[in-house]
Amino acid sequence: MAIFKSSNPTLQEKSFQGTVLEGISTGQEMTIKGTMNKLGVLMMLMLGSTLFAWSQFYKGGDPKPFMYVGVFGGLGVAILYMFKKQWGAVLAPIYAILEGLFVGSVSAIYNYAYPGLPMQAVALTLLVTLIMFLIYRYRIIKVTNKLRTVIVVATSAIALFYLIQWMTYAFGGTAIAYNLTNSNTPLSIGFSILVTGLAAFNLLLNFDTVEKGVEMRANKFMEWYCAFGLLVTIVWLYLEILRLLSKFQRN
């Protein structure tokens, strides 16, 4: 059923397989309110660990351990969660805490180099998220199959590019196309604007997936899973905005 197609791997149609209640009302179906409440819980948990990692950096701590624990620990939890969606009440909060360690460390490093920049990125991330929600809510941009396909293909291409870039840095010491992603040239800034826009458009697909899950009476534990998926996209959007703003600071 194509209504669940999303470029976010945590919010694909197959994620709902075995969770839809086939029209039977049991009082345990997912709701939009329940999903948003759980997203709020995850955001608060992530904020707490973000502030902890941030404070450790300014106490003279090395941010790399927190970054590595956040990245690889979060990845491990995310992979497990895709197979054990019923464990959402435990795995989603753990992921949010781990993600906060990564986000807090990265944000502290950026703030050290460009004071105040992370706060600007947070404000812009919240603003963009709100705008995309209103665009979806009032169907200013409709989530069609064609739009889904374009976003899925583009997101997959960006993910593959980032993976190759990371691998070349990890094993070769020099990241491929480093100037494209990290310099302050017009081409690099344009690339960041493109990727930031792509992250924002992923929110449209995420909102649509949540709505369709509610319509099809997915099991209530999917509220945690959908909130987790939204958190993944919001964090990606924040990091891209942070990188983009830093490029303007260097000009």
Protein backbone atom coordinates (compact mmCIF):
# COMPACT_ATOMS: atom_id res chain seq x y z
CA MET A 1 0.00 0.00 0.00
CA ALA A 2 1.83 3.08 -1.27
CA ILE A 3 0.31 5.53 1.20
CA PHE A 4 3.11 4.77 3.64
CA LYS A 5 5.96 5.46 1.26
CA SER A 6 8.48 7.78 2.91
CA SER A 7 12.15 8.61 2.41
CA ASN A 8 12.67 8.30 6.15
CA PRO A 9 13.68 4.64 6.64
CA THR A 10 11.95 4.59 10.01
CA LEU A 11 8.63 5.61 8.48
CA GLN A 12 8.29 3.25 5.54
CA GLU A 13 5.12 1.32 4.72
CA LYS A 14 6.75 -1.94 5.80
CA SER A 15 7.25 -0.45 9.25
CA PHE A 16 3.49 -0.74 9.76
CA GLN A 17 3.22 -4.36 8.65
CA GLY A 18 1.69 -6.41 11.42
CA THR A 19 0.63 -3.31 13.35
CA VAL A 20 -2.57 -2.27 11.55
CA LEU A 21 -5.72 -3.37 13.34
CA GLU A 22 -7.72 -3.88 10.12
CA GLY A 23 -10.56 -1.57 11.12
CA ILE A 24 -11.16 -3.20 14.52
CA SER A 25 -11.54 -0.63 17.29
CA THR A 26 -9.89 -1.73 20.53
CA GLY A 27 -9.05 1.61 22.10
CA GLN A 28 -5.37 0.87 21.51
CA GLU A 29 -5.01 2.57 18.13
CA MET A 30 -2.42 5.27 17.52
CA THR A 31 -3.61 8.89 17.47
CA ILE A 32 -2.06 12.12 16.26
CA LYS A 33 -2.29 13.60 19.76
CA GLY A 34 -0.60 10.56 21.25
CA THR A 35 2.18 10.71 18.66
CA MET A 36 2.80 14.42 19.28
CA ASN A 37 2.83 13.87 23.05
CA LYS A 38 5.45 11.18 22.67
CA LEU A 39 7.47 13.40 20.33
CA GLY A 40 7.42 16.01 23.09
CA VAL A 41 8.75 13.46 25.58
CA LEU A 42 11.55 12.47 23.22
CA MET A 43 12.45 16.10 22.57
CA MET A 44 12.70 16.79 26.30
CA LEU A 45 14.90 13.75 26.88
CA MET A 46 17.14 14.76 23.99
CA LEU A 47 17.33 18.31 25.33
CA GLY A 48 18.46 17.00 28.72
CA SER A 49 21.33 14.94 27.31
CA THR A 50 22.18 17.75 24.88
CA LEU A 51 22.65 20.18 27.75
CA PHE A 52 24.72 17.59 29.63
CA ALA A 53 27.11 17.06 26.70
CA TRP A 54 27.24 20.81 26.13
CA SER A 55 28.20 21.45 29.77
CA GLN A 56 30.89 18.77 29.72
CA PHE A 57 32.53 20.44 26.72
CA TYR A 58 32.70 23.78 28.53
CA LYS A 59 34.11 22.07 31.60
CA GLY A 60 37.05 21.01 29.46
CA GLY A 61 35.83 17.54 28.55
CA ASP A 62 36.63 15.85 25.24
CA PRO A 63 33.49 15.90 23.06
CA LYS A 64 34.56 12.96 20.89
CA PRO A 65 33.48 10.16 23.29
CA PHE A 66 29.98 11.64 23.55
CA MET A 67 29.84 12.06 19.78
CA TYR A 68 30.87 8.47 19.12
CA VAL A 69 28.54 7.06 21.78
CA GLY A 70 25.72 9.16 20.35
CA VAL A 71 26.34 8.21 16.72
CA PHE A 72 27.10 4.52 17.02
CA GLY A 73 24.91 3.87 20.05
CA GLY A 74 22.02 5.69 18.40
CA LEU A 75 22.55 3.78 15.15
CA GLY A 76 22.50 0.46 17.00
CA VAL A 77 19.31 1.35 18.86
CA ALA A 78 17.68 2.58 15.64
CA ILE A 79 18.47 -0.67 13.82
CA LEU A 80 17.14 -2.77 16.72
CA TYR A 81 14.03 -0.59 16.90
CA MET A 82 13.20 -1.27 13.26
CA PHE A 83 12.84 -4.96 14.14
CA LYS A 84 11.33 -4.54 17.62
CA LYS A 85 8.75 -1.80 17.25
CA GLN A 86 6.84 -3.09 20.26
CA TRP A 87 9.76 -1.97 22.46
CA GLY A 88 9.17 1.68 21.59
CA ALA A 89 8.49 2.87 25.13
CA VAL A 90 12.08 1.85 25.99
CA LEU A 91 14.06 2.13 22.75
CA ALA A 92 12.74 5.51 21.58
CA PRO A 93 13.71 7.31 24.81
CA ILE A 94 17.13 5.63 24.80
CA TYR A 95 17.67 6.78 21.23
CA ALA A 96 16.64 10.34 22.12
CA ILE A 97 19.16 10.43 24.98
CA LEU A 98 21.96 9.08 22.80
CA GLU A 99 21.10 11.51 20.02
CA GLY A 100 21.25 14.34 22.52
CA LEU A 101 24.84 13.44 23.42
CA PHE A 102 25.81 13.77 19.77
CA VAL A 103 23.83 16.94 19.14
CA GLY A 104 25.10 18.56 22.34
CA SER A 105 28.73 17.85 21.50
CA VAL A 106 28.44 19.07 17.93
CA SER A 107 26.52 22.16 19.02
CA ALA A 108 29.10 23.02 21.67
CA ILE A 109 31.91 22.79 19.10
CA TYR A 110 30.02 25.07 16.72
CA ASN A 111 29.20 27.48 19.53
CA TYR A 112 32.86 27.66 20.51
CA ALA A 113 33.78 28.58 16.94
CA TYR A 114 30.74 30.77 16.26
CA PRO A 115 29.16 32.00 19.53
CA GLY A 116 25.37 31.95 19.46
CA LEU A 117 25.10 30.00 16.24
CA PRO A 118 23.39 26.87 17.68
CA MET A 119 20.64 28.99 19.22
CA GLN A 120 19.97 30.53 15.83
CA ALA A 121 19.88 27.05 14.29
CA VAL A 122 17.42 25.83 16.94
CA ALA A 123 15.12 28.78 16.31
CA LEU A 124 15.24 28.28 12.54
CA THR A 125 14.65 24.52 12.91
CA LEU A 126 11.53 25.10 15.00
CA LEU A 127 10.33 27.75 12.57
CA VAL A 128 10.87 25.55 9.51
CA THR A 129 9.16 22.60 11.24
CA LEU A 130 6.14 24.77 12.05
CA ILE A 131 6.00 26.14 8.51
CA MET A 132 6.17 22.66 6.99
CA PHE A 133 3.42 21.47 9.33
CA LEU A 134 1.17 24.35 8.27
CA ILE A 135 1.99 23.68 4.62
CA TYR A 136 0.94 20.06 5.14
CA ARG A 137 -2.04 20.87 7.34
CA TYR A 138 -3.58 23.26 4.82
CA ARG A 139 -2.48 21.19 1.81
CA ILE A 140 -0.51 24.07 0.31
CA ILE A 141 1.74 21.35 -1.03
CA LYS A 142 0.00 18.02 -1.47
CA VAL A 143 1.92 14.84 -0.77
CA THR A 144 1.48 13.01 -4.06
CA ASN A 145 3.11 9.80 -5.25
CA LYS A 146 5.31 11.83 -7.60
CA LEU A 147 6.48 14.10 -4.78
CA ARG A 148 7.21 11.08 -2.59
CA THR A 149 9.26 9.47 -5.33
CA VAL A 150 11.35 12.58 -5.95
CA ILE A 151 12.08 13.08 -2.24
CA VAL A 152 12.87 9.39 -1.70
CA VAL A 153 15.33 9.30 -4.59
CA ALA A 154 16.99 12.59 -3.62
CA THR A 155 17.29 11.62 0.05
CA SER A 156 18.74 8.23 -0.82
CA ALA A 157 21.31 9.89 -3.08
CA ILE A 158 22.34 12.34 -0.35
CA ALA A 159 22.59 9.54 2.22
CA LEU A 160 24.81 7.51 -0.13
CA PHE A 161 26.99 10.54 -0.81
CA TYR A 162 27.45 11.25 2.91
CA LEU A 163 28.28 7.59 3.53
CA ILE A 164 30.94 7.54 0.80
CA GLN A 165 32.35 10.83 2.07
CA TRP A 166 32.59 9.50 5.63
CA MET A 167 34.22 6.25 4.50
CA THR A 168 36.86 8.05 2.43
CA TYR A 169 37.66 10.21 5.45
CA ALA A 170 37.72 7.28 7.90
CA PHE A 171 39.91 5.04 5.74
CA GLY A 172 41.83 7.53 3.64
CA GLY A 173 42.16 10.55 5.87
CA THR A 174 40.65 12.87 3.27
CA ALA A 175 36.92 13.21 2.64
CA ILE A 176 35.85 13.12 -0.98
CA ALA A 177 34.24 16.39 -2.15
CA TYR A 178 35.13 18.03 1.17
CA ASN A 179 34.93 21.53 -0.29
CA LEU A 180 31.42 20.86 -1.54
CA THR A 181 30.08 20.17 1.93
CA ASN A 182 32.32 22.18 4.25
CA SER A 183 33.71 25.24 2.49
CA ASN A 184 32.03 28.64 2.19
CA THR A 185 32.05 28.81 -1.61
CA PRO A 186 28.80 29.67 -3.43
CA LEU A 187 28.59 26.07 -4.68
CA SER A 188 28.97 24.70 -1.15
CA ILE A 189 26.39 27.11 0.25
CA GLY A 190 24.02 26.17 -2.56
CA PHE A 191 24.52 22.50 -1.75
CA SER A 192 23.69 23.10 1.91
CA ILE A 193 20.56 25.05 0.98
CA LEU A 194 19.48 22.16 -1.26
CA VAL A 195 20.03 19.53 1.45
CA THR A 196 18.34 21.68 4.10
CA GLY A 197 15.34 22.06 1.83
CA LEU A 198 15.29 18.31 1.24
CA ALA A 199 15.30 17.67 5.00
CA ALA A 200 12.39 20.09 5.38
CA PHE A 201 10.39 18.36 2.65
CA ASN A 202 10.93 15.04 4.39
CA LEU A 203 8.78 16.44 7.18
CA LEU A 204 5.83 16.57 4.77
CA LEU A 205 6.20 12.86 4.11
CA ASN A 206 6.55 12.17 7.82
CA PHE A 207 3.38 14.09 8.69
CA ASP A 208 1.53 12.28 5.93
CA THR A 209 2.75 8.89 7.15
CA VAL A 210 1.59 9.61 10.70
CA GLU A 211 -1.83 10.71 9.46
CA LYS A 212 -2.23 7.63 7.32
CA GLY A 213 -1.17 5.41 10.20
CA VAL A 214 -3.91 6.92 12.33
CA GLU A 215 -6.45 6.47 9.56
CA MET A 216 -5.56 2.80 9.25
CA ARG A 217 -5.73 2.24 13.03
CA ALA A 218 -2.12 1.21 13.56
CA ASN A 219 -1.37 -0.18 17.01
CA LYS A 220 -0.77 2.41 19.73
CA PHE A 221 2.87 1.45 20.16
CA MET A 222 3.42 2.93 16.70
CA GLU A 223 3.01 6.36 18.30
CA TRP A 224 6.49 5.90 19.76
CA TYR A 225 7.84 4.70 16.45
CA CYS A 226 6.40 7.61 14.46
CA ALA A 227 7.60 10.11 17.08
CA PHE A 228 11.05 8.55 16.81
CA GLY A 229 10.96 8.91 13.02
CA LEU A 230 10.00 12.58 13.28
CA LEU A 231 12.82 13.16 15.76
CA VAL A 232 15.31 11.69 13.28
CA THR A 233 14.21 14.13 10.58
CA ILE A 234 14.13 17.15 12.91
CA VAL A 235 17.68 16.44 14.11
CA TRP A 236 18.87 16.07 10.51
CA LEU A 237 17.23 19.40 9.66
CA TYR A 238 18.90 21.09 12.64
CA LEU A 239 22.35 19.80 11.74
CA GLU A 240 21.99 20.94 8.12
CA ILE A 241 20.82 24.40 9.21
CA LEU A 242 23.73 24.58 11.67
CA ARG A 243 26.20 23.73 8.91
CA LEU A 244 24.61 26.23 6.52
CA LEU A 245 24.71 29.08 9.03
CA SER A 246 28.36 28.36 9.82
CA LYS A 247 29.22 28.83 6.15
CA PHE A 248 27.69 32.31 6.16
CA GLN A 249 29.70 33.14 9.30
CA ARG A 250 32.94 32.42 7.39
CA ASN A 251 32.14 34.87 4.60
